[in-house]
Amino acid sequence: MIRLVATDLDGTLLEKDGTLPEDTFEIIEKLFERGILFAAASGRQYGNLVRLFKPVAERMAFVCENGAFCMAAGREAGSIAIPTETAHEIIADIEAKHMNLLISGKHTCYMLDRNRKYTDDITYRLRNTVTIISSVDDINEPILKISGQIDTGVAEIAPDFLEKWGNKLTATVSGRDWFDFTVANKGSGMECLMQHMGLQKEEVAAFGDNFNDESMLDLVGYPFIMEAAHPKLHKPHYTVCRNVIPVMRAIAQANGSFEQALRLLNE
């Protein structure tokens, strides 16, 4: 019986314009009524996600920063920080490539006061909670994720990062112009959340569309892959999904029964 439904956002739950589908909050409420928790799993920070899901945020769960920070019903469920020495080496590599720097803590991200256009974009377009610092040494909390951004794109930069860091931690291209570093991934973040809630894999469903969702999908009992995902992600044990909302609605109507939910979808 499904007791937790988790979903990636961009390319999965969200519309093409980055907004939530019209019925999202209604469906989440139906899940809550049947004792099924809803979770957002994203590379975004906690504050950003809380604003996006404001009407239900206090009752839902979050796997934030690509799994490095997890919250459930307003309480921390776990965090996985980058070791300090490693973090400073990554920061040096990003700056050597002349990239804009974004450093994530639990409840804020840190930015150097160098590029006003970049900081304004993160603050006002992405709606992140931002703390401007003059030096990385001003950060007094564990570093959960480090990102580098460059307007010309990361295609030429990524191979160097992957060669150096790919076997040491989670180093991933994130869109055209971002590269992210974490020790965690969505799978380790979901594992923290499941342990916090006392859930087994057979009680969890998850939706994803990209390679950074794969660790989460492989962990849960009921993985759904979006129809438009890369062919290599269409594994035999994944259920193909065109739209998240109808599946979530069916899971709620079936009181968490996967088999009954599939029957409802096929009627």
C-alpha atoms as a PDB file:
ATOM      1  CA  MET A   1       0.000   0.000   0.000  1.00  0.00           C
ATOM      2  CA  ILE A   2       1.408   3.392  -1.016  1.00  0.00           C
ATOM      3  CA  ARG A   3       1.888   5.814   1.888  1.00  0.00           C
ATOM      4  CA  LEU A   4       4.248   8.314   0.223  1.00  0.00           C
ATOM      5  CA  VAL A   5       4.128   9.832  -3.268  1.00  0.00           C
ATOM      6  CA  ALA A   6       7.220  11.783  -4.346  1.00  0.00           C
ATOM      7  CA  THR A   7       7.778  13.638  -7.582  1.00  0.00           C
ATOM      8  CA  ASP A   8      10.481  15.518  -9.410  1.00  0.00           C
ATOM      9  CA  LEU A   9       9.384  18.973 -10.602  1.00  0.00           C
ATOM     10  CA  ASP A  10      10.940  20.270 -13.838  1.00  0.00           C
ATOM     11  CA  GLY A  11       9.995  18.025 -16.736  1.00  0.00           C
ATOM     12  CA  THR A  12       7.802  15.890 -14.480  1.00  0.00           C
ATOM     13  CA  LEU A  13       5.122  17.609 -12.381  1.00  0.00           C
ATOM     14  CA  LEU A  14       5.487  21.212 -13.557  1.00  0.00           C
ATOM     15  CA  GLU A  15       3.997  22.703 -16.699  1.00  0.00           C
ATOM     16  CA  LYS A  16       6.367  23.882 -19.441  1.00  0.00           C
ATOM     17  CA  ASP A  17       6.187  27.432 -18.067  1.00  0.00           C
ATOM     18  CA  GLY A  18       7.368  26.246 -14.645  1.00  0.00           C
ATOM     19  CA  THR A  19       3.996  26.502 -12.907  1.00  0.00           C
ATOM     20  CA  LEU A  20       2.111  23.819 -11.013  1.00  0.00           C
ATOM     21  CA  PRO A  21      -0.776  22.120 -12.849  1.00  0.00           C
ATOM     22  CA  GLU A  22      -4.172  23.560 -12.011  1.00  0.00           C
ATOM     23  CA  ASP A  23      -5.388  20.647  -9.854  1.00  0.00           C
ATOM     24  CA  THR A  24      -2.173  20.115  -7.886  1.00  0.00           C
ATOM     25  CA  PHE A  25      -3.312  21.304  -4.465  1.00  0.00           C
ATOM     26  CA  GLU A  26      -6.686  19.565  -4.768  1.00  0.00           C
ATOM     27  CA  ILE A  27      -4.971  16.239  -5.499  1.00  0.00           C
ATOM     28  CA  ILE A  28      -2.429  16.696  -2.697  1.00  0.00           C
ATOM     29  CA  GLU A  29      -5.297  17.324  -0.267  1.00  0.00           C
ATOM     30  CA  LYS A  30      -6.982  14.104  -1.449  1.00  0.00           C
ATOM     31  CA  LEU A  31      -3.755  12.205  -0.778  1.00  0.00           C
ATOM     32  CA  PHE A  32      -3.529  13.720   2.713  1.00  0.00           C
ATOM     33  CA  GLU A  33      -7.156  12.743   3.436  1.00  0.00           C
ATOM     34  CA  ARG A  34      -6.249   9.119   2.741  1.00  0.00           C
ATOM     35  CA  GLY A  35      -3.129   9.164   4.888  1.00  0.00           C
ATOM     36  CA  ILE A  36      -0.712   9.412   1.952  1.00  0.00           C
ATOM     37  CA  LEU A  37       2.121  11.949   2.275  1.00  0.00           C
ATOM     38  CA  PHE A  38       3.169  14.027  -0.725  1.00  0.00           C
ATOM     39  CA  ALA A  39       6.819  14.994  -1.313  1.00  0.00           C
ATOM     40  CA  ALA A  40       8.599  17.240  -3.825  1.00  0.00           C
ATOM     41  CA  ALA A  41      12.060  15.990  -4.859  1.00  0.00           C
ATOM     42  CA  SER A  42      14.155  18.681  -6.500  1.00  0.00           C
ATOM     43  CA  GLY A  43      17.516  20.354  -6.857  1.00  0.00           C
ATOM     44  CA  ARG A  44      15.871  23.540  -5.572  1.00  0.00           C
ATOM     45  CA  GLN A  45      16.375  24.918  -2.071  1.00  0.00           C
ATOM     46  CA  TYR A  46      13.863  24.421   0.743  1.00  0.00           C
ATOM     47  CA  GLY A  47      12.701  28.037   0.878  1.00  0.00           C
ATOM     48  CA  ASN A  48      12.022  28.092  -2.850  1.00  0.00           C
ATOM     49  CA  LEU A  49       9.945  24.920  -2.623  1.00  0.00           C
ATOM     50  CA  VAL A  50       7.989  26.132   0.400  1.00  0.00           C
ATOM     51  CA  ARG A  51       6.941  29.219  -1.555  1.00  0.00           C
ATOM     52  CA  LEU A  52       5.919  27.095  -4.551  1.00  0.00           C
ATOM     53  CA  PHE A  53       3.767  24.761  -2.418  1.00  0.00           C
ATOM     54  CA  LYS A  54       2.704  27.348   0.171  1.00  0.00           C
ATOM     55  CA  PRO A  55      -0.926  26.164   0.752  1.00  0.00           C
ATOM     56  CA  VAL A  56       0.240  22.651   1.717  1.00  0.00           C
ATOM     57  CA  ALA A  57       3.938  23.094   2.548  1.00  0.00           C
ATOM     58  CA  GLU A  58       3.576  22.668   6.318  1.00  0.00           C
ATOM     59  CA  ARG A  59       2.067  19.192   5.870  1.00  0.00           C
ATOM     60  CA  MET A  60       4.150  17.797   3.003  1.00  0.00           C
ATOM     61  CA  ALA A  61       7.744  16.585   2.672  1.00  0.00           C
ATOM     62  CA  PHE A  62      10.685  17.870   0.658  1.00  0.00           C
ATOM     63  CA  VAL A  63      13.809  16.252  -0.759  1.00  0.00           C
ATOM     64  CA  CYS A  64      15.769  19.440  -1.485  1.00  0.00           C
ATOM     65  CA  GLU A  65      19.162  20.285  -3.001  1.00  0.00           C
ATOM     66  CA  ASN A  66      19.190  17.012  -4.985  1.00  0.00           C
ATOM     67  CA  GLY A  67      18.822  15.003  -1.786  1.00  0.00           C
ATOM     68  CA  ALA A  68      21.230  16.902   0.470  1.00  0.00           C
ATOM     69  CA  PHE A  69      18.468  18.290   2.740  1.00  0.00           C
ATOM     70  CA  CYS A  70      15.134  16.695   3.645  1.00  0.00           C
ATOM     71  CA  MET A  71      12.154  18.058   5.551  1.00  0.00           C
ATOM     72  CA  ALA A  72       8.890  16.418   6.611  1.00  0.00           C
ATOM     73  CA  ALA A  73       5.939  18.394   7.981  1.00  0.00           C
ATOM     74  CA  GLY A  74       8.205  21.277   8.961  1.00  0.00           C
ATOM     75  CA  ARG A  75      10.820  19.114  10.695  1.00  0.00           C
ATOM     76  CA  GLU A  76      14.270  18.190   9.442  1.00  0.00           C
ATOM     77  CA  ALA A  77      14.427  14.585   8.256  1.00  0.00           C
ATOM     78  CA  GLY A  78      18.127  14.552   7.379  1.00  0.00           C
ATOM     79  CA  SER A  79      21.002  16.354   5.684  1.00  0.00           C
ATOM     80  CA  ILE A  80      24.223  15.326   3.924  1.00  0.00           C
ATOM     81  CA  ALA A  81      26.993  17.949   3.793  1.00  0.00           C
ATOM     82  CA  ILE A  82      30.059  18.190   1.566  1.00  0.00           C
ATOM     83  CA  PRO A  83      33.293  17.851   3.618  1.00  0.00           C
ATOM     84  CA  THR A  84      34.823  21.295   4.165  1.00  0.00           C
ATOM     85  CA  GLU A  85      38.132  20.611   2.417  1.00  0.00           C
ATOM     86  CA  THR A  86      36.352  19.123  -0.598  1.00  0.00           C
ATOM     87  CA  ALA A  87      33.926  22.055  -0.722  1.00  0.00           C
ATOM     88  CA  HIS A  88      36.735  24.598  -0.854  1.00  0.00           C
ATOM     89  CA  GLU A  89      38.499  22.681  -3.619  1.00  0.00           C
ATOM     90  CA  ILE A  90      35.291  22.561  -5.690  1.00  0.00           C
ATOM     91  CA  ILE A  91      34.760  26.293  -5.160  1.00  0.00           C
ATOM     92  CA  ALA A  92      38.298  26.970  -6.383  1.00  0.00           C
ATOM     93  CA  ASP A  93      37.680  24.863  -9.504  1.00  0.00           C
ATOM     94  CA  ILE A  94      34.442  26.734 -10.266  1.00  0.00           C
ATOM     95  CA  GLU A  95      36.099  30.104  -9.885  1.00  0.00           C
ATOM     96  CA  ALA A  96      39.018  29.001 -12.066  1.00  0.00           C
ATOM     97  CA  LYS A  97      36.475  28.458 -14.851  1.00  0.00           C
ATOM     98  CA  HIS A  98      35.147  32.021 -14.324  1.00  0.00           C
ATOM     99  CA  MET A  99      31.701  30.743 -13.369  1.00  0.00           C
ATOM    100  CA  ASN A 100      29.168  32.386 -11.092  1.00  0.00           C
ATOM    101  CA  LEU A 101      29.062  30.638  -7.715  1.00  0.00           C
ATOM    102  CA  LEU A 102      26.043  29.467  -5.719  1.00  0.00           C
ATOM    103  CA  ILE A 103      26.576  27.721  -2.355  1.00  0.00           C
ATOM    104  CA  SER A 104      23.642  26.092  -0.582  1.00  0.00           C
ATOM    105  CA  GLY A 105      23.087  25.802   3.167  1.00  0.00           C
ATOM    106  CA  LYS A 106      19.935  24.450   4.786  1.00  0.00           C
ATOM    107  CA  HIS A 107      17.789  27.578   4.681  1.00  0.00           C
ATOM    108  CA  THR A 108      19.666  30.004   2.443  1.00  0.00           C
ATOM    109  CA  CYS A 109      22.056  30.045  -0.483  1.00  0.00           C
ATOM    110  CA  TYR A 110      25.202  32.145  -0.428  1.00  0.00           C
ATOM    111  CA  MET A 111      26.386  34.349  -3.282  1.00  0.00           C
ATOM    112  CA  LEU A 112      29.435  36.542  -3.640  1.00  0.00           C
ATOM    113  CA  ASP A 113      28.795  40.233  -4.228  1.00  0.00           C
ATOM    114  CA  ARG A 114      30.309  40.309  -7.718  1.00  0.00           C
ATOM    115  CA  ASN A 115      27.599  40.056 -10.377  1.00  0.00           C
ATOM    116  CA  ARG A 116      24.416  42.022  -9.669  1.00  0.00           C
ATOM    117  CA  LYS A 117      22.588  40.645 -12.729  1.00  0.00           C
ATOM    118  CA  TYR A 118      23.233  37.086 -11.555  1.00  0.00           C
ATOM    119  CA  THR A 119      22.257  37.676  -7.927  1.00  0.00           C
ATOM    120  CA  ASP A 120      19.067  39.483  -8.998  1.00  0.00           C
ATOM    121  CA  ASP A 121      18.143  36.559 -11.261  1.00  0.00           C
ATOM    122  CA  ILE A 122      18.516  34.046  -8.419  1.00  0.00           C
ATOM    123  CA  THR A 123      16.628  36.287  -5.988  1.00  0.00           C
ATOM    124  CA  TYR A 124      13.765  37.598  -8.120  1.00  0.00           C
ATOM    125  CA  ARG A 125      13.264  35.107 -10.946  1.00  0.00           C
ATOM    126  CA  LEU A 126      14.103  31.845  -9.165  1.00  0.00           C
ATOM    127  CA  ARG A 127      12.831  33.294  -5.852  1.00  0.00           C
ATOM    128  CA  ASN A 128      15.584  31.741  -3.743  1.00  0.00           C
ATOM    129  CA  THR A 129      16.380  32.843  -0.221  1.00  0.00           C
ATOM    130  CA  VAL A 130      19.774  34.528  -0.713  1.00  0.00           C
ATOM    131  CA  THR A 131      22.547  35.738   1.590  1.00  0.00           C
ATOM    132  CA  ILE A 132      25.192  37.956  -0.029  1.00  0.00           C
ATOM    133  CA  ILE A 133      28.720  37.401   1.328  1.00  0.00           C
ATOM    134  CA  SER A 134      32.083  39.005   0.650  1.00  0.00           C
ATOM    135  CA  SER A 135      34.052  35.785   1.144  1.00  0.00           C
ATOM    136  CA  VAL A 136      33.353  32.040   1.290  1.00  0.00           C
ATOM    137  CA  ASP A 137      34.924  32.144   4.761  1.00  0.00           C
ATOM    138  CA  ASP A 138      31.789  34.024   5.922  1.00  0.00           C
ATOM    139  CA  ILE A 139      29.732  30.815   5.680  1.00  0.00           C
ATOM    140  CA  ASN A 140      29.206  29.370   9.159  1.00  0.00           C
ATOM    141  CA  GLU A 141      27.144  26.272   8.419  1.00  0.00           C
ATOM    142  CA  PRO A 142      27.614  22.968   6.548  1.00  0.00           C
ATOM    143  CA  ILE A 143      27.672  23.298   2.757  1.00  0.00           C
ATOM    144  CA  LEU A 144      25.094  21.013   1.143  1.00  0.00           C
ATOM    145  CA  LYS A 145      25.451  21.829  -2.552  1.00  0.00           C
ATOM    146  CA  ILE A 146      27.776  23.910  -4.717  1.00  0.00           C
ATOM    147  CA  SER A 147      26.761  25.127  -8.166  1.00  0.00           C
ATOM    148  CA  GLY A 148      28.565  26.924 -10.945  1.00  0.00           C
ATOM    149  CA  GLN A 149      26.735  28.911 -13.635  1.00  0.00           C
ATOM    150  CA  ILE A 150      28.039  30.394 -16.880  1.00  0.00           C
ATOM    151  CA  ASP A 151      26.033  32.126 -19.604  1.00  0.00           C
ATOM    152  CA  THR A 152      28.007  30.501 -22.429  1.00  0.00           C
ATOM    153  CA  GLY A 153      26.996  27.040 -21.226  1.00  0.00           C
ATOM    154  CA  VAL A 154      28.798  24.192 -19.488  1.00  0.00           C
ATOM    155  CA  ALA A 155      29.323  21.919 -22.507  1.00  0.00           C
ATOM    156  CA  GLU A 156      33.068  22.639 -22.678  1.00  0.00           C
ATOM    157  CA  ILE A 157      33.532  22.812 -18.904  1.00  0.00           C
ATOM    158  CA  ALA A 158      31.623  19.678 -17.895  1.00  0.00           C
ATOM    159  CA  PRO A 159      34.167  17.055 -19.107  1.00  0.00           C
ATOM    160  CA  ASP A 160      36.900  18.466 -16.856  1.00  0.00           C
ATOM    161  CA  PHE A 161      34.576  18.508 -13.836  1.00  0.00           C
ATOM    162  CA  LEU A 162      33.325  14.992 -14.521  1.00  0.00           C
ATOM    163  CA  GLU A 163      36.838  13.612 -14.981  1.00  0.00           C
ATOM    164  CA  LYS A 164      38.037  15.067 -11.679  1.00  0.00           C
ATOM    165  CA  TRP A 165      34.940  14.719  -9.517  1.00  0.00           C
ATOM    166  CA  GLY A 166      32.655  12.152 -11.160  1.00  0.00           C
ATOM    167  CA  ASN A 167      33.919   9.211  -9.102  1.00  0.00           C
ATOM    168  CA  LYS A 168      34.221  11.141  -5.826  1.00  0.00           C
ATOM    169  CA  LEU A 169      30.752  12.668  -5.386  1.00  0.00           C
ATOM    170  CA  THR A 170      27.601  13.530  -7.336  1.00  0.00           C
ATOM    171  CA  ALA A 171      28.743  15.877 -10.097  1.00  0.00           C
ATOM    172  CA  THR A 172      26.064  16.642 -12.675  1.00  0.00           C
ATOM    173  CA  VAL A 173      25.141  18.986 -15.510  1.00  0.00           C
ATOM    174  CA  SER A 174      21.933  20.803 -14.587  1.00  0.00           C
ATOM    175  CA  GLY A 175      20.445  22.425 -17.656  1.00  0.00           C
ATOM    176  CA  ARG A 176      22.443  24.295 -20.282  1.00  0.00           C
ATOM    177  CA  ASP A 177      24.466  26.594 -18.050  1.00  0.00           C
ATOM    178  CA  TRP A 178      24.639  24.991 -14.579  1.00  0.00           C
ATOM    179  CA  PHE A 179      26.881  22.356 -12.997  1.00  0.00           C
ATOM    180  CA  ASP A 180      26.041  20.982  -9.523  1.00  0.00           C
ATOM    181  CA  PHE A 181      28.125  19.220  -6.870  1.00  0.00           C
ATOM    182  CA  THR A 182      26.710  17.304  -3.883  1.00  0.00           C
ATOM    183  CA  VAL A 183      27.707  14.295  -1.812  1.00  0.00           C
ATOM    184  CA  ALA A 184      24.041  13.294  -1.826  1.00  0.00           C
ATOM    185  CA  ASN A 185      21.632  12.357  -4.611  1.00  0.00           C
ATOM    186  CA  LYS A 186      17.862  12.049  -4.747  1.00  0.00           C
ATOM    187  CA  GLY A 187      18.119   8.391  -3.798  1.00  0.00           C
ATOM    188  CA  SER A 188      20.088   9.066  -0.610  1.00  0.00           C
ATOM    189  CA  GLY A 189      17.739  11.934   0.205  1.00  0.00           C
ATOM    190  CA  MET A 190      14.686   9.738  -0.290  1.00  0.00           C
ATOM    191  CA  GLU A 191      16.303   7.068   1.889  1.00  0.00           C
ATOM    192  CA  CYS A 192      16.709   9.649   4.688  1.00  0.00           C
ATOM    193  CA  LEU A 193      13.056  10.620   4.341  1.00  0.00           C
ATOM    194  CA  MET A 194      11.851   7.013   4.323  1.00  0.00           C
ATOM    195  CA  GLN A 195      13.903   6.154   7.411  1.00  0.00           C
ATOM    196  CA  HIS A 196      12.572   9.249   9.174  1.00  0.00           C
ATOM    197  CA  MET A 197       9.004   8.134   8.425  1.00  0.00           C
ATOM    198  CA  GLY A 198       9.588   4.410   8.979  1.00  0.00           C
ATOM    199  CA  LEU A 199       8.563   3.493   5.423  1.00  0.00           C
ATOM    200  CA  GLN A 200       9.561   0.477   3.330  1.00  0.00           C
ATOM    201  CA  LYS A 201      10.122   0.704  -0.438  1.00  0.00           C
ATOM    202  CA  GLU A 202       6.797  -1.093  -1.064  1.00  0.00           C
ATOM    203  CA  GLU A 203       5.053   1.917   0.502  1.00  0.00           C
ATOM    204  CA  VAL A 204       6.583   4.565  -1.774  1.00  0.00           C
ATOM    205  CA  ALA A 205       5.855   5.753  -5.329  1.00  0.00           C
ATOM    206  CA  ALA A 206       8.022   8.273  -7.185  1.00  0.00           C
ATOM    207  CA  PHE A 207       7.955  10.124 -10.512  1.00  0.00           C
ATOM    208  CA  GLY A 208      10.957  11.354 -12.509  1.00  0.00           C
ATOM    209  CA  ASP A 209      12.155  12.246 -15.981  1.00  0.00           C
ATOM    210  CA  ASN A 210      15.940  12.586 -15.897  1.00  0.00           C
ATOM    211  CA  PHE A 211      19.126  10.782 -14.909  1.00  0.00           C
ATOM    212  CA  ASN A 212      19.336  12.642 -11.586  1.00  0.00           C
ATOM    213  CA  ASP A 213      15.992  10.995 -10.680  1.00  0.00           C
ATOM    214  CA  GLU A 214      17.256   7.472 -11.375  1.00  0.00           C
ATOM    215  CA  SER A 215      18.692   6.846  -7.888  1.00  0.00           C
ATOM    216  CA  MET A 216      15.316   7.797  -6.371  1.00  0.00           C
ATOM    217  CA  LEU A 217      13.301   5.692  -8.827  1.00  0.00           C
ATOM    218  CA  ASP A 218      15.505   2.641  -8.210  1.00  0.00           C
ATOM    219  CA  LEU A 219      14.975   2.974  -4.447  1.00  0.00           C
ATOM    220  CA  VAL A 220      11.164   2.966  -4.340  1.00  0.00           C
ATOM    221  CA  GLY A 221       8.653   0.197  -4.870  1.00  0.00           C
ATOM    222  CA  TYR A 222       6.585   1.992  -7.509  1.00  0.00           C
ATOM    223  CA  PRO A 223       8.759   4.051  -9.901  1.00  0.00           C
ATOM    224  CA  PHE A 224       7.120   6.076 -12.692  1.00  0.00           C
ATOM    225  CA  ILE A 225       9.177   7.424 -15.620  1.00  0.00           C
ATOM    226  CA  MET A 226       7.838  10.205 -17.807  1.00  0.00           C
ATOM    227  CA  GLU A 227       7.025   9.200 -21.369  1.00  0.00           C
ATOM    228  CA  ALA A 228       9.364  11.862 -22.829  1.00  0.00           C
ATOM    229  CA  ALA A 229      12.374  10.738 -20.754  1.00  0.00           C
ATOM    230  CA  HIS A 230      15.604   9.510 -22.382  1.00  0.00           C
ATOM    231  CA  PRO A 231      15.179   5.957 -23.753  1.00  0.00           C
ATOM    232  CA  LYS A 232      17.919   4.666 -21.412  1.00  0.00           C
ATOM    233  CA  LEU A 233      15.671   5.569 -18.474  1.00  0.00           C
ATOM    234  CA  HIS A 234      12.799   3.393 -19.671  1.00  0.00           C
ATOM    235  CA  LYS A 235      13.665   0.393 -17.526  1.00  0.00           C
ATOM    236  CA  PRO A 236      11.445  -2.721 -17.464  1.00  0.00           C
ATOM    237  CA  HIS A 237      10.382  -2.198 -13.846  1.00  0.00           C
ATOM    238  CA  TYR A 238       9.452   1.487 -14.371  1.00  0.00           C
ATOM    239  CA  THR A 239       5.855   2.385 -15.197  1.00  0.00           C
ATOM    240  CA  VAL A 240       5.600   4.884 -18.070  1.00  0.00           C
ATOM    241  CA  CYS A 241       3.672   8.034 -17.231  1.00  0.00           C
ATOM    242  CA  ARG A 242       2.471  10.852 -19.505  1.00  0.00           C
ATOM    243  CA  ASN A 243       1.000  13.115 -16.799  1.00  0.00           C
ATOM    244  CA  VAL A 244       1.596  12.978 -13.039  1.00  0.00           C
ATOM    245  CA  ILE A 245      -1.700  14.485 -11.865  1.00  0.00           C
ATOM    246  CA  PRO A 246      -4.048  11.725 -13.165  1.00  0.00           C
ATOM    247  CA  VAL A 247      -1.832   9.051 -11.610  1.00  0.00           C
ATOM    248  CA  MET A 248      -1.768  10.842  -8.257  1.00  0.00           C
ATOM    249  CA  ARG A 249      -5.538  11.200  -8.432  1.00  0.00           C
ATOM    250  CA  ALA A 250      -5.921   7.481  -9.117  1.00  0.00           C
ATOM    251  CA  ILE A 251      -3.599   6.583  -6.213  1.00  0.00           C
ATOM    252  CA  ALA A 252      -5.759   8.728  -3.912  1.00  0.00           C
ATOM    253  CA  GLN A 253      -8.997   7.208  -5.218  1.00  0.00           C
ATOM    254  CA  ALA A 254      -7.534   3.721  -4.729  1.00  0.00           C
ATOM    255  CA  ASN A 255      -6.515   4.525  -1.128  1.00  0.00           C
ATOM    256  CA  GLY A 256      -2.891   3.785  -1.991  1.00  0.00           C
ATOM    257  CA  SER A 257      -3.413   0.507  -3.871  1.00  0.00           C
ATOM    258  CA  PHE A 258      -1.064   0.469  -6.878  1.00  0.00           C
ATOM    259  CA  GLU A 259      -2.955  -2.266  -8.709  1.00  0.00           C
ATOM    260  CA  GLN A 260      -6.329  -0.575  -8.232  1.00  0.00           C
ATOM    261  CA  ALA A 261      -4.873   2.777  -9.290  1.00  0.00           C
ATOM    262  CA  LEU A 262      -3.673   1.216 -12.569  1.00  0.00           C
ATOM    263  CA  ARG A 263      -7.126  -0.239 -13.168  1.00  0.00           C
ATOM    264  CA  LEU A 264      -8.701   3.173 -12.640  1.00  0.00           C
ATOM    265  CA  LEU A 265      -6.272   4.736 -15.127  1.00  0.00           C
ATOM    266  CA  ASN A 266      -7.087   2.092 -17.741  1.00  0.00           C
ATOM    267  CA  GLU A 267     -10.861   2.406 -17.460  1.00  0.00           C
END
